């Protein structure tokens, strides 16, 4: 079995590629990536050591996908992952990568007769709907009251029944449009496909930035030095996210590969669940406890266009369909991240250390 992973040198793609190559018998994994994001070059040695084939290519170029050769399964991890992409500049890159790239991937899968596992995003859910949730302050977080519920939401988090009308960012729109195209390819051409709407993913080898990867960025600032700021919703750092360890995602992908025929057509919310939620203020305390470092965190009360105060995944549907549920706790995830930051400091500090500049606003995207 040959598995092609697009975005295969990115954090999620490379983590899945190494896990599948090492964990599945009689499999050859090929990782395709354009190496655009700084830090992705560090994945090449990890991929090679796991026996993963690497092809330098771009999903925007169908000839690059053709050059990667035939395959039996496509795991599409390629994306411009920033929810803030396009707000103040040309959206062409996010549109062509996230949407045109999906078309090229689907065409390659159709020609190869291959199945598809597509990593979508919780950001397909509209910003006005998420901001309208009846959140209450609980100590250092915002959360849904225990007995409250509505269409597609409850204290457990969001299901795929959450209403979709409304705007959601260019990133979210391209992911939702890709989902619609996948359904058409499934209906018209018989392409077997599963869609996973992932919440926040994290773990070692994520190159956290201001606009994406906030858990690692937060940890790196405490480990290597730098400044931070709570941005939006009053500047108190109360906005809440659930976080899934990338190794838990790899466990799910293995299950979905084995059950692709049965699960084809499924659209699932996949995340850490309420047991793995954290606010920025709570994350600060957890990072301080692990490093002994106290950072003065600035406050910027202004809420930006794409900011949302809350997202938590209700995993009920994916658990019912597959038996999968996250196994690694948030504390285990953070321990893994800090161990990685210590072990690979010579490689990571030049990339993740904060520049000498004004405080950096960080948004939990």
Protein backbone atom coordinates (compact mmCIF):
# COMPACT_ATOMS: atom_id res chain seq x y z
CA UNK A 1 0.00 0.00 0.00
CA UNK A 2 1.37 3.41 -0.97
CA UNK A 3 0.19 6.43 1.03
CA UNK A 4 0.76 9.97 -0.23
CA UNK A 5 0.70 12.68 2.46
CA UNK A 6 0.47 16.22 1.13
CA UNK A 7 1.90 18.87 3.41
CA UNK A 8 4.10 15.99 4.48
CA UNK A 9 6.94 18.07 5.92
CA UNK A 10 4.61 20.21 8.00
CA UNK A 11 3.95 19.51 11.65
CA UNK A 12 0.87 17.34 11.20
CA UNK A 13 1.91 15.81 7.90
CA UNK A 14 5.38 14.75 9.06
CA UNK A 15 4.04 13.44 12.37
CA UNK A 16 1.47 11.30 10.55
CA UNK A 17 3.97 10.18 7.92
CA UNK A 18 6.47 8.86 10.46
CA UNK A 19 3.75 7.27 12.60
CA UNK A 20 2.13 5.47 9.66
CA UNK A 21 5.43 4.32 8.16
CA UNK A 22 6.54 2.86 11.48
CA UNK A 23 3.15 1.61 12.64
CA UNK A 24 1.60 -0.08 9.61
CA UNK A 25 2.93 -3.23 7.92
CA UNK A 26 3.53 -3.39 4.16
CA UNK A 27 3.14 0.37 3.69
CA UNK A 28 5.27 2.90 1.84
CA UNK A 29 4.59 6.50 2.79
CA UNK A 30 5.51 9.38 0.50
CA UNK A 31 5.53 12.94 1.85
CA UNK A 32 5.06 15.83 -0.58
CA UNK A 33 5.74 19.38 0.58
CA UNK A 34 6.86 22.74 -0.84
CA UNK A 35 8.97 23.52 2.30
CA UNK A 36 7.60 27.07 2.35
CA UNK A 37 7.19 27.38 6.10
CA UNK A 38 10.35 27.91 8.10
CA UNK A 39 11.15 24.86 10.18
CA UNK A 40 9.67 22.39 7.70
CA UNK A 41 13.18 21.63 6.48
CA UNK A 42 13.89 20.07 9.89
CA UNK A 43 11.36 17.36 9.10
CA UNK A 44 13.44 15.93 6.26
CA UNK A 45 15.89 14.06 8.48
CA UNK A 46 13.02 12.69 10.60
CA UNK A 47 11.17 11.50 7.52
CA UNK A 48 14.26 9.82 6.10
CA UNK A 49 15.10 8.07 9.37
CA UNK A 50 11.57 6.60 9.44
CA UNK A 51 11.89 5.37 5.86
CA UNK A 52 9.46 7.90 4.42
CA UNK A 53 10.03 8.93 0.82
CA UNK A 54 10.10 12.73 0.28
CA UNK A 55 9.09 14.62 -2.86
CA UNK A 56 9.60 18.37 -3.09
CA UNK A 57 6.39 19.62 -4.66
CA UNK A 58 3.41 21.92 -4.36
CA UNK A 59 -0.29 20.98 -4.44
CA UNK A 60 -0.92 24.11 -6.52
CA UNK A 61 0.99 22.40 -9.34
CA UNK A 62 -0.76 19.24 -10.60
CA UNK A 63 2.42 18.15 -12.34
CA UNK A 64 4.10 17.92 -8.92
CA UNK A 65 1.42 15.53 -7.72
CA UNK A 66 1.83 13.50 -10.89
CA UNK A 67 5.58 13.33 -10.32
CA UNK A 68 4.97 11.79 -6.89
CA UNK A 69 3.61 8.69 -8.66
CA UNK A 70 0.57 6.54 -8.07
CA UNK A 71 -0.85 5.87 -4.63
CA UNK A 72 -3.61 3.95 -2.86
CA UNK A 73 -4.49 6.54 -0.22
CA UNK A 74 -4.12 10.31 0.02
CA UNK A 75 -3.93 11.97 3.43
CA UNK A 76 -4.33 15.66 2.67
CA UNK A 77 -2.58 17.77 5.30
CA UNK A 78 -1.55 20.57 2.93
CA UNK A 79 -2.80 24.03 3.87
CA UNK A 80 -2.01 27.61 4.55
CA UNK A 81 -3.04 27.14 8.21
CA UNK A 82 -3.39 30.73 9.40
CA UNK A 83 -6.95 31.82 10.11
CA UNK A 84 -5.76 35.41 9.69
CA UNK A 85 -4.46 34.85 6.16
CA UNK A 86 -5.83 37.32 3.65
CA UNK A 87 -7.35 39.81 6.08
CA UNK A 88 -4.91 42.59 5.32
CA UNK A 89 -3.33 41.38 2.10
CA UNK A 90 -3.81 39.30 -1.06
CA UNK A 91 -5.70 36.05 -0.29
CA UNK A 92 -4.35 34.28 -3.38
CA UNK A 93 -1.97 31.95 -1.56
CA UNK A 94 -4.53 30.66 0.93
CA UNK A 95 -7.16 30.22 -1.81
CA UNK A 96 -4.88 28.49 -4.30
CA UNK A 97 -3.27 26.25 -1.69
CA UNK A 98 -6.36 25.32 0.31
CA UNK A 99 -8.95 25.15 -2.47
CA UNK A 100 -7.23 24.79 -5.85
CA UNK A 101 -4.81 22.42 -4.15
CA UNK A 102 -7.73 20.29 -3.00
CA UNK A 103 -8.99 20.03 -6.58
CA UNK A 104 -5.58 18.88 -7.75
CA UNK A 105 -5.37 16.33 -4.91
CA UNK A 106 -8.85 14.98 -5.68
CA UNK A 107 -8.01 14.66 -9.36
CA UNK A 108 -4.84 12.76 -8.51
CA UNK A 109 -6.84 10.47 -6.21
CA UNK A 110 -9.50 9.92 -8.88
CA UNK A 111 -6.91 8.97 -11.48
CA UNK A 112 -5.19 6.59 -9.04
CA UNK A 113 -8.43 5.07 -7.77
CA UNK A 114 -7.27 6.07 -4.30
CA UNK A 115 -9.09 6.84 -1.08
CA UNK A 116 -8.84 10.24 0.64
CA UNK A 117 -8.62 11.30 4.28
CA UNK A 118 -8.97 15.07 4.38
CA UNK A 119 -7.92 17.17 7.35
CA UNK A 120 -10.43 19.98 7.53
CA UNK A 121 -10.81 22.43 10.39
CA UNK A 122 -13.08 23.54 13.20
CA UNK A 123 -12.87 26.92 11.49
CA UNK A 124 -15.58 25.86 9.05
CA UNK A 125 -17.98 26.93 11.81
CA UNK A 126 -18.95 30.60 11.42
CA UNK A 127 -17.46 33.31 13.58
CA UNK A 128 -20.80 35.01 14.47
CA UNK A 129 -22.23 31.70 15.68
CA UNK A 130 -19.24 30.98 17.89
CA UNK A 131 -19.31 34.50 19.32
CA UNK A 132 -23.03 34.14 20.08
CA UNK A 133 -22.59 31.12 22.37
CA UNK A 134 -23.81 31.83 25.95
CA UNK A 135 -20.40 31.78 27.64
CA UNK A 136 -19.82 32.44 31.31
CA UNK A 137 -16.62 33.32 33.12
CA UNK A 138 -15.24 30.58 35.35
CA UNK A 139 -12.08 31.66 37.15
CA UNK A 140 -9.57 32.04 34.29
CA UNK A 141 -11.67 30.77 31.40
CA UNK A 142 -14.85 31.24 29.40
CA UNK A 143 -17.09 28.17 29.16
CA UNK A 144 -20.60 27.03 28.30
CA UNK A 145 -22.86 26.59 31.36
CA UNK A 146 -23.36 22.94 32.31
CA UNK A 147 -27.07 22.74 31.47
CA UNK A 148 -27.06 24.98 28.39
CA UNK A 149 -27.45 23.55 24.89
CA UNK A 150 -28.61 24.44 21.40
CA UNK A 151 -28.38 23.20 17.84
CA UNK A 152 -25.00 21.51 17.53
CA UNK A 153 -23.61 22.65 20.88
CA UNK A 154 -23.69 21.85 24.57
CA UNK A 155 -21.31 21.89 27.54
CA UNK A 156 -19.51 18.97 25.83
CA UNK A 157 -18.62 21.18 22.86
CA UNK A 158 -19.67 21.41 19.21
CA UNK A 159 -21.03 18.71 16.92
CA UNK A 160 -21.25 18.79 13.13
CA UNK A 161 -24.88 19.90 13.50
CA UNK A 162 -23.73 23.39 14.47
CA UNK A 163 -25.30 25.87 11.98
CA UNK A 164 -23.03 26.77 9.08
CA UNK A 165 -24.52 30.03 7.70
CA UNK A 166 -22.26 33.05 8.22
CA UNK A 167 -18.69 34.13 7.55
CA UNK A 168 -15.74 32.14 8.84
CA UNK A 169 -12.44 33.63 7.46
CA UNK A 170 -10.83 32.85 4.12
CA UNK A 171 -9.08 29.88 5.70
CA UNK A 172 -12.35 28.45 7.01
CA UNK A 173 -14.17 29.16 3.75
CA UNK A 174 -11.57 27.30 1.68
CA UNK A 175 -11.77 24.32 4.02
CA UNK A 176 -15.57 24.20 3.84
CA UNK A 177 -15.51 24.59 0.06
CA UNK A 178 -13.02 21.73 -0.10
CA UNK A 179 -15.39 19.56 1.90
CA UNK A 180 -18.16 20.26 -0.64
CA UNK A 181 -15.88 19.30 -3.51
CA UNK A 182 -14.92 16.08 -1.76
CA UNK A 183 -18.58 15.11 -1.48
CA UNK A 184 -19.05 15.74 -5.21
CA UNK A 185 -16.03 13.57 -6.05
CA UNK A 186 -17.42 10.87 -3.81
CA UNK A 187 -20.85 11.00 -5.47
CA UNK A 188 -19.71 11.47 -9.08
CA UNK A 189 -16.57 9.36 -9.23
CA UNK A 190 -16.85 6.97 -6.30
CA UNK A 191 -13.81 8.41 -4.49
CA UNK A 192 -13.87 6.98 -0.98
CA UNK A 193 -13.30 9.87 1.41
CA UNK A 194 -13.40 10.82 5.10
CA UNK A 195 -13.39 14.40 6.40
CA UNK A 196 -11.97 15.22 9.84
CA UNK A 197 -12.78 18.70 11.16
CA UNK A 198 -9.83 19.07 13.50
CA UNK A 199 -9.66 21.43 16.43
CA UNK A 200 -6.33 22.68 17.76
CA UNK A 201 -3.54 20.16 17.19
CA UNK A 202 -0.21 20.33 18.96
CA UNK A 203 2.86 18.38 19.97
CA UNK A 204 6.61 18.21 19.34
CA UNK A 205 7.88 19.56 16.01
CA UNK A 206 5.16 22.17 15.67
CA UNK A 207 6.76 25.49 14.71
CA UNK A 208 4.39 27.72 16.67
CA UNK A 209 3.77 31.20 15.34
CA UNK A 210 1.69 34.19 16.37
CA UNK A 211 -1.19 33.22 14.09
CA UNK A 212 -1.05 29.41 14.34
CA UNK A 213 0.33 26.91 16.84
CA UNK A 214 -0.25 28.92 20.00
CA UNK A 215 0.50 26.10 22.47
CA UNK A 216 4.06 25.59 21.22
CA UNK A 217 4.61 29.32 20.81
CA UNK A 218 3.51 29.88 24.40
CA UNK A 219 5.82 27.12 25.63
CA UNK A 220 8.76 28.36 23.53
CA UNK A 221 8.46 31.91 24.88
CA UNK A 222 8.70 30.52 28.41
CA UNK A 223 11.57 28.17 27.50
CA UNK A 224 13.64 30.52 25.34
CA UNK A 225 12.51 33.99 26.36
CA UNK A 226 10.29 36.62 24.83
CA UNK A 227 7.13 38.56 25.39
CA UNK A 228 3.46 37.69 24.99
CA UNK A 229 0.08 39.41 25.05
CA UNK A 230 -3.50 38.38 25.62
CA UNK A 231 -5.36 39.77 22.63
CA UNK A 232 -9.09 40.22 22.22
CA UNK A 233 -12.17 39.78 24.39
CA UNK A 234 -10.98 42.29 26.99
CA UNK A 235 -7.35 41.17 27.02
CA UNK A 236 -7.79 38.79 29.98
CA UNK A 237 -6.67 35.60 28.22
CA UNK A 238 -9.93 33.79 28.98
CA UNK A 239 -10.68 32.46 25.47
CA UNK A 240 -10.89 28.66 25.49
CA UNK A 241 -9.73 25.90 23.12
CA UNK A 242 -9.48 22.14 23.28
CA UNK A 243 -6.13 20.70 22.22
CA UNK A 244 -5.42 17.28 20.69
CA UNK A 245 -2.01 15.61 20.79
CA UNK A 246 -0.92 14.83 17.23
CA UNK A 247 -0.14 11.25 18.28
CA UNK A 248 -3.82 10.80 19.17
CA UNK A 249 -4.70 11.98 15.66
CA UNK A 250 -2.28 9.41 14.24
CA UNK A 251 -4.10 6.71 16.22
CA UNK A 252 -7.37 7.79 14.60
CA UNK A 253 -5.93 7.88 11.08
CA UNK A 254 -4.76 4.28 11.44
CA UNK A 255 -8.29 3.26 12.44
CA UNK A 256 -9.77 5.19 9.51
CA UNK A 257 -7.38 3.62 7.03
CA UNK A 258 -8.47 0.17 8.14
CA UNK A 259 -12.15 1.16 7.96
CA UNK A 260 -12.10 3.43 4.93
CA UNK A 261 -14.84 1.62 3.01
CA UNK A 262 -17.19 1.63 6.00
CA UNK A 263 -16.44 5.22 7.07
CA UNK A 264 -16.42 6.82 3.61
CA UNK A 265 -18.74 9.79 3.47
CA UNK A 266 -18.27 10.56 7.15
CA UNK A 267 -17.67 14.12 8.32
CA UNK A 268 -16.38 14.12 11.89
CA UNK A 269 -15.40 16.65 14.52
CA UNK A 270 -12.04 15.54 15.93
CA UNK A 271 -10.37 17.22 18.89
CA UNK A 272 -9.20 16.98 22.45
CA UNK A 273 -12.66 17.32 23.97
CA UNK A 274 -13.62 19.20 27.08
CA UNK A 275 -11.15 17.31 29.28
CA UNK A 276 -8.33 18.89 27.25
CA UNK A 277 -9.48 22.51 27.16
CA UNK A 278 -7.26 25.39 28.21
CA UNK A 279 -7.42 29.17 28.18
CA UNK A 280 -4.43 31.38 27.48
CA UNK A 281 -4.34 32.44 31.13
CA UNK A 282 -4.38 28.81 32.25
CA UNK A 283 -1.71 27.95 29.70
CA UNK A 284 0.49 30.68 31.13
CA UNK A 285 0.27 29.10 34.58
CA UNK A 286 1.07 25.64 33.20
CA UNK A 287 4.12 26.97 31.35
CA UNK A 288 5.32 28.85 34.41
CA UNK A 289 5.03 25.70 36.51
CA UNK A 290 7.17 23.75 34.05
CA UNK A 291 9.91 26.35 33.58
CA UNK A 292 9.94 28.46 36.71
CA UNK A 293 9.86 31.45 34.37
CA UNK A 294 7.39 34.27 34.84
CA UNK A 295 6.63 36.40 31.81
CA UNK A 296 4.81 39.70 32.08
CA UNK A 297 1.94 39.21 29.65
CA UNK A 298 0.61 42.34 28.01
CA UNK A 299 -3.12 42.88 27.41
CA UNK A 300 -4.69 44.09 24.18
CA UNK A 301 -8.48 44.18 24.61
CA UNK A 302 -9.24 44.66 20.92
CA UNK A 303 -10.96 41.70 19.29
CA UNK A 304 -9.67 41.05 15.78
CA UNK A 305 -11.73 40.01 12.79
CA UNK A 306 -11.13 36.27 13.01
CA UNK A 307 -10.98 35.90 16.80
CA UNK A 308 -13.47 33.64 18.55
CA UNK A 309 -13.83 33.26 22.33
CA UNK A 310 -14.47 29.52 22.45
CA UNK A 311 -14.11 26.26 20.60
CA UNK A 312 -14.37 22.78 22.06
CA UNK A 313 -14.92 19.51 20.17
CA UNK A 314 -17.70 17.09 20.98
CA UNK A 315 -16.13 13.77 19.90
CA UNK A 316 -19.30 11.73 20.37
CA UNK A 317 -19.82 10.92 16.68
CA UNK A 318 -16.25 9.84 15.90
CA UNK A 319 -16.12 7.74 19.08
CA UNK A 320 -19.41 6.05 18.17
CA UNK A 321 -18.21 5.34 14.62
CA UNK A 322 -14.72 4.08 15.44
CA UNK A 323 -14.28 3.57 19.18
CA UNK A 324 -11.50 6.18 19.10
CA UNK A 325 -11.06 8.72 21.85
CA UNK A 326 -8.04 10.80 22.87
CA UNK A 327 -5.68 9.02 25.28
CA UNK A 328 -3.06 11.67 26.02
CA UNK A 329 -3.88 14.43 28.48
CA UNK A 330 -3.09 18.11 28.05
CA UNK A 331 -0.42 17.83 30.73
CA UNK A 332 1.20 14.92 28.89
CA UNK A 333 1.16 16.99 25.70
CA UNK A 334 2.85 19.92 27.43
CA UNK A 335 5.43 17.62 29.02
CA UNK A 336 6.23 16.23 25.56
CA UNK A 337 6.55 19.73 24.09
CA UNK A 338 8.87 21.00 26.82
CA UNK A 339 11.03 17.86 26.63
CA UNK A 340 11.36 18.43 22.87
CA UNK A 341 12.20 22.12 23.35
CA UNK A 342 15.00 21.14 25.73
CA UNK A 343 16.35 18.25 23.64
CA UNK A 344 16.37 20.14 20.32
CA UNK A 345 17.20 23.61 21.60
CA UNK A 346 20.14 24.08 19.24
CA UNK A 347 17.83 23.59 16.24
CA UNK A 348 14.69 25.25 17.55
CA UNK A 349 15.78 28.36 19.41
CA UNK A 350 16.76 30.27 16.23
CA UNK A 351 13.28 29.59 14.84
CA UNK A 352 11.09 29.86 17.93
CA UNK A 353 12.86 32.46 20.08
CA UNK A 354 11.09 35.82 20.09
CA UNK A 355 12.82 38.64 18.20
CA UNK A 356 13.86 41.69 20.17
CA UNK A 357 10.77 43.74 19.47
CA UNK A 358 7.53 44.99 20.97
CA UNK A 359 5.27 42.49 22.79
CA UNK A 360 3.80 39.92 20.47
CA UNK A 361 0.02 39.60 20.38
CA UNK A 362 -1.03 35.98 20.44
CA UNK A 363 -4.48 34.75 19.50
CA UNK A 364 -5.77 31.27 20.13
CA UNK A 365 -6.82 30.43 16.60
